[in-house]
N, C-alpha and C. Protein backbone atom coordinates (compact mmCIF):
# COMPACT_ATOMS: atom_id res chain seq x y z
N UNK A 1 -60.41 52.35 -38.08
CA UNK A 1 -58.97 52.19 -38.02
C UNK A 1 -58.32 53.54 -38.25
N UNK A 2 -57.33 53.85 -37.46
CA UNK A 2 -56.60 55.10 -37.66
C UNK A 2 -55.11 54.80 -37.65
N UNK A 3 -54.40 55.50 -38.51
CA UNK A 3 -52.94 55.36 -38.59
C UNK A 3 -52.35 56.73 -38.36
N UNK A 4 -51.39 56.82 -37.46
CA UNK A 4 -50.77 58.10 -37.18
C UNK A 4 -49.29 57.92 -36.88
N UNK A 5 -48.55 59.00 -37.02
CA UNK A 5 -47.14 59.04 -36.64
C UNK A 5 -47.04 59.87 -35.38
N UNK A 6 -46.44 59.31 -34.33
CA UNK A 6 -46.31 60.03 -33.08
C UNK A 6 -44.84 60.18 -32.74
N UNK A 7 -44.49 61.36 -32.27
CA UNK A 7 -43.11 61.63 -31.86
C UNK A 7 -42.83 60.88 -30.57
N UNK A 8 -41.68 60.20 -30.53
CA UNK A 8 -41.26 59.48 -29.33
C UNK A 8 -39.80 59.80 -29.06
N UNK A 9 -39.38 59.61 -27.83
CA UNK A 9 -37.96 59.75 -27.54
C UNK A 9 -37.32 58.39 -27.78
N UNK A 10 -36.20 58.39 -28.48
CA UNK A 10 -35.51 57.15 -28.78
C UNK A 10 -34.38 57.01 -27.77
N UNK A 11 -34.52 56.07 -26.87
CA UNK A 11 -33.50 55.82 -25.88
C UNK A 11 -33.37 54.33 -25.69
N UNK A 12 -32.43 53.91 -24.89
CA UNK A 12 -32.16 52.49 -24.70
C UNK A 12 -33.25 51.89 -23.82
N UNK A 13 -34.33 51.49 -24.45
CA UNK A 13 -35.43 50.80 -23.79
C UNK A 13 -35.80 49.65 -24.70
N UNK A 14 -36.98 49.12 -24.53
CA UNK A 14 -37.42 48.03 -25.41
C UNK A 14 -37.48 48.49 -26.86
N UNK A 15 -37.55 49.81 -27.08
CA UNK A 15 -37.60 50.34 -28.43
C UNK A 15 -36.35 50.02 -29.25
N UNK A 16 -35.21 49.83 -28.60
CA UNK A 16 -33.99 49.48 -29.31
C UNK A 16 -33.86 47.97 -29.53
N UNK A 17 -34.70 47.19 -28.87
CA UNK A 17 -34.59 45.73 -28.96
C UNK A 17 -34.67 45.21 -30.40
N UNK A 18 -35.60 45.69 -31.25
CA UNK A 18 -35.64 45.17 -32.62
C UNK A 18 -34.36 45.45 -33.40
N UNK A 19 -33.78 46.62 -33.20
CA UNK A 19 -32.54 46.96 -33.90
C UNK A 19 -31.40 46.06 -33.45
N UNK A 20 -31.27 45.85 -32.15
CA UNK A 20 -30.22 44.99 -31.61
C UNK A 20 -30.45 43.55 -32.06
N UNK A 21 -31.70 43.08 -32.02
CA UNK A 21 -32.01 41.72 -32.44
C UNK A 21 -31.70 41.52 -33.92
N UNK A 22 -32.03 42.49 -34.75
CA UNK A 22 -31.74 42.38 -36.19
C UNK A 22 -30.23 42.33 -36.43
N UNK A 23 -29.48 43.16 -35.74
CA UNK A 23 -28.02 43.16 -35.91
C UNK A 23 -27.43 41.83 -35.45
N UNK A 24 -27.90 41.31 -34.32
CA UNK A 24 -27.41 40.01 -33.83
C UNK A 24 -27.76 38.89 -34.80
N UNK A 25 -28.97 38.95 -35.37
CA UNK A 25 -29.40 37.92 -36.32
C UNK A 25 -28.50 37.92 -37.56
N UNK A 26 -28.20 39.10 -38.09
CA UNK A 26 -27.36 39.19 -39.28
C UNK A 26 -25.96 38.67 -38.97
N UNK A 27 -25.41 39.05 -37.83
CA UNK A 27 -24.08 38.58 -37.44
C UNK A 27 -24.09 37.07 -37.25
N UNK A 28 -25.10 36.55 -36.56
CA UNK A 28 -25.20 35.11 -36.33
C UNK A 28 -25.35 34.35 -37.65
N UNK A 29 -26.17 34.85 -38.55
CA UNK A 29 -26.36 34.20 -39.85
C UNK A 29 -25.05 34.16 -40.62
N UNK A 30 -24.29 35.25 -40.59
CA UNK A 30 -23.01 35.28 -41.29
C UNK A 30 -22.02 34.29 -40.68
N UNK A 31 -21.98 34.21 -39.35
CA UNK A 31 -21.07 33.28 -38.67
C UNK A 31 -21.47 31.84 -38.98
N UNK A 32 -22.77 31.53 -38.92
CA UNK A 32 -23.24 30.18 -39.22
C UNK A 32 -22.90 29.81 -40.66
N UNK A 33 -23.11 30.74 -41.57
CA UNK A 33 -22.79 30.49 -42.98
C UNK A 33 -21.30 30.21 -43.15
N UNK A 34 -20.47 31.02 -42.51
CA UNK A 34 -19.03 30.87 -42.62
C UNK A 34 -18.58 29.54 -42.01
N UNK A 35 -19.11 29.22 -40.81
CA UNK A 35 -18.73 27.96 -40.16
C UNK A 35 -19.18 26.76 -40.98
N UNK A 36 -20.38 26.85 -41.54
CA UNK A 36 -20.87 25.75 -42.36
C UNK A 36 -20.00 25.51 -43.58
N UNK A 37 -19.61 26.58 -44.23
CA UNK A 37 -18.75 26.45 -45.42
C UNK A 37 -17.36 25.97 -45.04
N UNK A 38 -16.84 26.48 -43.92
CA UNK A 38 -15.48 26.12 -43.52
C UNK A 38 -15.40 24.66 -43.08
N UNK A 39 -16.45 24.15 -42.42
CA UNK A 39 -16.39 22.79 -41.89
C UNK A 39 -17.05 21.76 -42.81
N UNK A 40 -17.87 22.23 -43.76
CA UNK A 40 -18.58 21.30 -44.63
C UNK A 40 -19.77 20.64 -43.95
N UNK A 41 -20.13 21.12 -42.76
CA UNK A 41 -21.25 20.56 -42.01
C UNK A 41 -22.39 21.56 -42.01
N UNK A 42 -23.62 21.08 -42.22
CA UNK A 42 -24.78 21.96 -42.22
C UNK A 42 -25.23 22.19 -40.78
N UNK A 43 -24.62 23.16 -40.10
CA UNK A 43 -24.94 23.40 -38.69
C UNK A 43 -26.18 24.26 -38.53
N UNK A 44 -26.73 24.77 -39.62
CA UNK A 44 -27.92 25.61 -39.54
C UNK A 44 -29.19 24.84 -39.83
N UNK A 45 -29.11 23.52 -39.84
CA UNK A 45 -30.28 22.72 -40.17
C UNK A 45 -31.38 22.93 -39.13
N UNK A 46 -32.61 22.98 -39.60
CA UNK A 46 -33.76 23.20 -38.74
C UNK A 46 -34.03 21.96 -37.89
N UNK A 47 -34.04 22.12 -36.59
CA UNK A 47 -34.27 20.98 -35.69
C UNK A 47 -35.69 20.42 -35.85
N UNK A 48 -36.68 21.29 -36.07
CA UNK A 48 -38.06 20.83 -36.28
C UNK A 48 -38.12 19.93 -37.51
N UNK A 49 -37.44 20.34 -38.58
CA UNK A 49 -37.45 19.55 -39.81
C UNK A 49 -36.71 18.23 -39.62
N UNK A 50 -35.64 18.25 -38.83
CA UNK A 50 -34.91 17.01 -38.57
C UNK A 50 -35.77 16.03 -37.78
N UNK A 51 -36.60 16.53 -36.86
CA UNK A 51 -37.44 15.67 -36.03
C UNK A 51 -38.69 15.19 -36.74
N UNK A 52 -39.34 16.07 -37.52
CA UNK A 52 -40.64 15.74 -38.11
C UNK A 52 -40.60 15.45 -39.60
N UNK A 53 -39.57 15.91 -40.27
CA UNK A 53 -39.51 15.78 -41.72
C UNK A 53 -40.23 16.91 -42.44
N UNK A 54 -40.88 17.79 -41.69
CA UNK A 54 -41.59 18.93 -42.26
C UNK A 54 -40.86 20.22 -41.91
N UNK A 55 -40.91 21.21 -42.79
CA UNK A 55 -40.29 22.50 -42.45
C UNK A 55 -41.12 23.22 -41.39
N UNK A 56 -40.46 23.98 -40.55
CA UNK A 56 -41.18 24.81 -39.58
C UNK A 56 -41.66 26.09 -40.30
N UNK A 57 -42.54 26.87 -39.69
CA UNK A 57 -43.05 28.08 -40.36
C UNK A 57 -41.97 29.09 -40.74
N UNK A 58 -40.81 29.03 -40.08
CA UNK A 58 -39.75 29.98 -40.42
C UNK A 58 -38.58 29.31 -41.15
N UNK A 59 -38.75 28.07 -41.60
CA UNK A 59 -37.68 27.43 -42.36
C UNK A 59 -37.35 28.27 -43.59
N UNK A 60 -36.11 28.41 -43.86
CA UNK A 60 -35.66 29.20 -45.00
C UNK A 60 -35.41 30.66 -44.66
N UNK A 61 -35.69 31.07 -43.41
CA UNK A 61 -35.52 32.47 -43.04
C UNK A 61 -34.05 32.90 -43.10
N UNK A 62 -33.16 32.05 -42.62
CA UNK A 62 -31.74 32.40 -42.66
C UNK A 62 -31.25 32.46 -44.10
N UNK A 63 -31.65 31.49 -44.91
CA UNK A 63 -31.25 31.51 -46.32
C UNK A 63 -31.85 32.71 -47.04
N UNK A 64 -33.08 33.09 -46.67
CA UNK A 64 -33.71 34.27 -47.27
C UNK A 64 -32.93 35.54 -46.89
N UNK A 65 -32.51 35.63 -45.64
CA UNK A 65 -31.73 36.80 -45.20
C UNK A 65 -30.41 36.87 -45.94
N UNK A 66 -29.75 35.74 -46.06
CA UNK A 66 -28.46 35.74 -46.78
C UNK A 66 -28.66 36.06 -48.26
N UNK A 67 -29.75 35.56 -48.86
CA UNK A 67 -30.03 35.87 -50.26
C UNK A 67 -30.29 37.37 -50.44
N UNK A 68 -31.03 37.96 -49.51
CA UNK A 68 -31.27 39.41 -49.59
C UNK A 68 -29.97 40.19 -49.45
N UNK A 69 -29.12 39.75 -48.52
CA UNK A 69 -27.85 40.45 -48.31
C UNK A 69 -26.95 40.39 -49.54
N UNK A 70 -27.14 39.36 -50.37
CA UNK A 70 -26.33 39.25 -51.59
C UNK A 70 -27.09 39.73 -52.82
N UNK A 71 -28.29 40.30 -52.62
CA UNK A 71 -29.02 40.90 -53.73
C UNK A 71 -29.88 39.96 -54.54
N UNK A 72 -30.16 38.77 -54.04
CA UNK A 72 -30.96 37.79 -54.76
C UNK A 72 -32.40 37.77 -54.21
N UNK A 73 -33.20 38.73 -54.62
CA UNK A 73 -34.56 38.89 -54.11
C UNK A 73 -35.44 37.68 -54.46
N UNK A 74 -35.34 37.18 -55.68
CA UNK A 74 -36.18 36.04 -56.09
C UNK A 74 -35.86 34.80 -55.26
N UNK A 75 -34.58 34.56 -54.99
CA UNK A 75 -34.21 33.42 -54.16
C UNK A 75 -34.73 33.60 -52.74
N UNK A 76 -34.62 34.80 -52.21
CA UNK A 76 -35.12 35.07 -50.86
C UNK A 76 -36.61 34.80 -50.79
N UNK A 77 -37.35 35.24 -51.80
CA UNK A 77 -38.80 35.01 -51.84
C UNK A 77 -39.11 33.52 -51.90
N UNK A 78 -38.33 32.78 -52.67
CA UNK A 78 -38.54 31.34 -52.80
C UNK A 78 -38.26 30.62 -51.47
N UNK A 79 -37.27 31.07 -50.72
CA UNK A 79 -36.93 30.42 -49.45
C UNK A 79 -38.01 30.63 -48.40
N UNK A 80 -38.53 31.85 -48.25
CA UNK A 80 -39.58 32.11 -47.27
C UNK A 80 -40.21 33.48 -47.57
N UNK A 81 -41.36 33.51 -48.23
CA UNK A 81 -41.98 34.78 -48.63
C UNK A 81 -42.33 35.71 -47.47
N UNK A 82 -42.87 35.16 -46.39
CA UNK A 82 -43.27 36.02 -45.27
C UNK A 82 -42.06 36.66 -44.60
N UNK A 83 -41.03 35.88 -44.38
CA UNK A 83 -39.83 36.44 -43.75
C UNK A 83 -39.13 37.43 -44.68
N UNK A 84 -39.19 37.19 -45.98
CA UNK A 84 -38.62 38.15 -46.93
C UNK A 84 -39.34 39.49 -46.82
N UNK A 85 -40.66 39.45 -46.73
CA UNK A 85 -41.43 40.69 -46.54
C UNK A 85 -41.02 41.37 -45.24
N UNK A 86 -40.87 40.58 -44.18
CA UNK A 86 -40.48 41.15 -42.89
C UNK A 86 -39.08 41.79 -42.98
N UNK A 87 -38.18 41.14 -43.70
CA UNK A 87 -36.83 41.69 -43.85
C UNK A 87 -36.82 42.97 -44.67
N UNK A 88 -37.75 43.10 -45.60
CA UNK A 88 -37.81 44.31 -46.42
C UNK A 88 -38.53 45.45 -45.71
N UNK A 89 -39.59 45.13 -44.96
CA UNK A 89 -40.37 46.16 -44.27
C UNK A 89 -39.70 46.58 -42.97
N UNK A 90 -39.06 45.63 -42.29
CA UNK A 90 -38.42 45.92 -41.01
C UNK A 90 -37.45 47.09 -41.04
N UNK A 91 -36.50 47.11 -41.97
CA UNK A 91 -35.58 48.25 -42.02
C UNK A 91 -36.28 49.59 -42.27
N UNK A 92 -37.35 49.57 -43.07
CA UNK A 92 -38.09 50.81 -43.30
C UNK A 92 -38.71 51.30 -42.00
N UNK A 93 -39.26 50.37 -41.23
CA UNK A 93 -39.84 50.73 -39.94
C UNK A 93 -38.76 51.27 -39.01
N UNK A 94 -37.59 50.60 -38.99
CA UNK A 94 -36.50 51.06 -38.13
C UNK A 94 -36.03 52.45 -38.53
N UNK A 95 -35.90 52.69 -39.83
CA UNK A 95 -35.49 54.02 -40.30
C UNK A 95 -36.51 55.06 -39.88
N UNK A 96 -37.77 54.77 -40.09
CA UNK A 96 -38.82 55.71 -39.70
C UNK A 96 -38.77 55.99 -38.21
N UNK A 97 -38.62 54.94 -37.42
CA UNK A 97 -38.65 55.11 -35.97
C UNK A 97 -37.39 55.76 -35.40
N UNK A 98 -36.24 55.26 -35.79
CA UNK A 98 -35.00 55.70 -35.14
C UNK A 98 -34.42 56.98 -35.73
N UNK A 99 -34.61 57.23 -37.00
CA UNK A 99 -34.05 58.44 -37.60
C UNK A 99 -34.97 59.64 -37.48
N UNK A 100 -36.27 59.41 -37.51
CA UNK A 100 -37.20 60.53 -37.42
C UNK A 100 -37.74 60.73 -36.02
N UNK A 101 -37.56 59.74 -35.14
CA UNK A 101 -38.09 59.84 -33.79
C UNK A 101 -39.59 59.68 -33.74
N UNK A 102 -40.17 59.12 -34.78
CA UNK A 102 -41.62 58.90 -34.82
C UNK A 102 -41.89 57.40 -34.93
N UNK A 103 -43.05 57.00 -34.46
CA UNK A 103 -43.45 55.61 -34.58
C UNK A 103 -44.84 55.55 -35.20
N UNK A 104 -45.07 54.48 -35.93
CA UNK A 104 -46.38 54.29 -36.54
C UNK A 104 -47.31 53.70 -35.49
N UNK A 105 -48.45 54.34 -35.32
CA UNK A 105 -49.45 53.86 -34.38
C UNK A 105 -50.70 53.53 -35.17
N UNK A 106 -51.14 52.29 -35.07
CA UNK A 106 -52.35 51.87 -35.77
C UNK A 106 -53.41 51.60 -34.72
N UNK A 107 -54.44 52.40 -34.72
CA UNK A 107 -55.53 52.23 -33.77
C UNK A 107 -56.60 51.32 -34.35
N UNK A 108 -56.87 50.21 -33.69
CA UNK A 108 -57.85 49.25 -34.17
C UNK A 108 -58.95 49.08 -33.12
N UNK A 109 -60.15 48.93 -33.60
CA UNK A 109 -61.25 48.59 -32.71
C UNK A 109 -61.04 47.14 -32.26
N UNK A 110 -61.68 46.72 -31.17
CA UNK A 110 -61.52 45.32 -30.74
C UNK A 110 -61.88 44.31 -31.85
N UNK A 111 -62.91 44.59 -32.60
CA UNK A 111 -63.30 43.69 -33.70
C UNK A 111 -62.21 43.67 -34.78
N UNK A 112 -61.72 44.83 -35.15
CA UNK A 112 -60.67 44.90 -36.18
C UNK A 112 -59.39 44.22 -35.69
N UNK A 113 -59.12 44.29 -34.40
CA UNK A 113 -57.95 43.63 -33.84
C UNK A 113 -58.07 42.11 -34.02
N UNK A 114 -59.26 41.54 -33.77
CA UNK A 114 -59.47 40.11 -33.98
C UNK A 114 -59.33 39.74 -35.45
N UNK A 115 -59.82 40.59 -36.33
CA UNK A 115 -59.69 40.34 -37.77
C UNK A 115 -58.20 40.35 -38.15
N UNK A 116 -57.45 41.31 -37.62
CA UNK A 116 -56.02 41.40 -37.92
C UNK A 116 -55.28 40.16 -37.42
N UNK A 117 -55.60 39.69 -36.22
CA UNK A 117 -54.98 38.48 -35.69
C UNK A 117 -55.33 37.28 -36.57
N UNK A 118 -56.59 37.18 -36.99
CA UNK A 118 -57.01 36.09 -37.88
C UNK A 118 -56.27 36.12 -39.21
N UNK A 119 -56.11 37.32 -39.77
CA UNK A 119 -55.37 37.45 -41.03
C UNK A 119 -53.90 37.06 -40.86
N UNK A 120 -53.31 37.46 -39.74
CA UNK A 120 -51.93 37.10 -39.47
C UNK A 120 -51.77 35.58 -39.37
N UNK A 121 -52.68 34.94 -38.66
CA UNK A 121 -52.65 33.47 -38.56
C UNK A 121 -52.82 32.85 -39.94
N UNK A 122 -53.72 33.38 -40.75
CA UNK A 122 -53.94 32.87 -42.10
C UNK A 122 -52.69 33.02 -42.96
N UNK A 123 -52.01 34.15 -42.88
CA UNK A 123 -50.79 34.38 -43.66
C UNK A 123 -49.70 33.41 -43.23
N UNK A 124 -49.52 33.23 -41.93
CA UNK A 124 -48.49 32.30 -41.44
C UNK A 124 -48.82 30.87 -41.88
N UNK A 125 -50.09 30.48 -41.79
CA UNK A 125 -50.50 29.14 -42.22
C UNK A 125 -50.28 28.94 -43.72
N UNK A 126 -50.62 29.96 -44.52
CA UNK A 126 -50.42 29.86 -45.97
C UNK A 126 -48.92 29.77 -46.29
N UNK A 127 -48.09 30.53 -45.58
CA UNK A 127 -46.65 30.47 -45.78
C UNK A 127 -46.13 29.08 -45.42
N UNK A 128 -46.61 28.54 -44.31
CA UNK A 128 -46.18 27.20 -43.89
C UNK A 128 -46.60 26.16 -44.92
N UNK A 129 -47.82 26.26 -45.44
CA UNK A 129 -48.26 25.33 -46.47
C UNK A 129 -47.38 25.45 -47.72
N UNK A 130 -47.02 26.66 -48.08
CA UNK A 130 -46.12 26.86 -49.23
C UNK A 130 -44.78 26.17 -48.98
N UNK A 131 -44.24 26.33 -47.78
CA UNK A 131 -42.95 25.72 -47.46
C UNK A 131 -43.03 24.19 -47.51
N UNK A 132 -44.14 23.64 -47.03
CA UNK A 132 -44.31 22.18 -47.05
C UNK A 132 -44.45 21.68 -48.49
N UNK A 133 -45.28 22.35 -49.28
CA UNK A 133 -45.51 21.93 -50.66
C UNK A 133 -44.26 22.07 -51.52
N UNK A 134 -43.52 23.18 -51.32
CA UNK A 134 -42.34 23.42 -52.14
C UNK A 134 -41.13 22.59 -51.68
N UNK A 135 -41.20 22.00 -50.50
CA UNK A 135 -40.11 21.17 -50.03
C UNK A 135 -38.89 21.93 -49.56
N UNK A 136 -39.10 23.14 -49.09
CA UNK A 136 -37.98 23.97 -48.62
C UNK A 136 -37.29 23.34 -47.46
């Protein structure tokens, strides 16, 4: 496995998509929160949970984002630990990429790539089990 920083040109390509998506998500979460409070209706309810009675793997992600935006790290972790980690690491990655013009490149052998995919699946499954057990 090798990890390196490579200089890249930052222009309007797929490279800007994560930044735009993150900004849209924050704006959408704020609007949904405001509309929900103004109308008294929970319009952000998870459709998967409404249909099955079980939380989806990303249930609590919006609440975790709002908790982080208001400085409540413990609440964000309780709502969805994996998404909280993503929300904390994501901005660091964006800062590294967009302000320095460098991107992190992780070189994995084919075997290591399969191990990484397996670990990712295991983490998502463990997070989902946590959400189901905790009743989020």
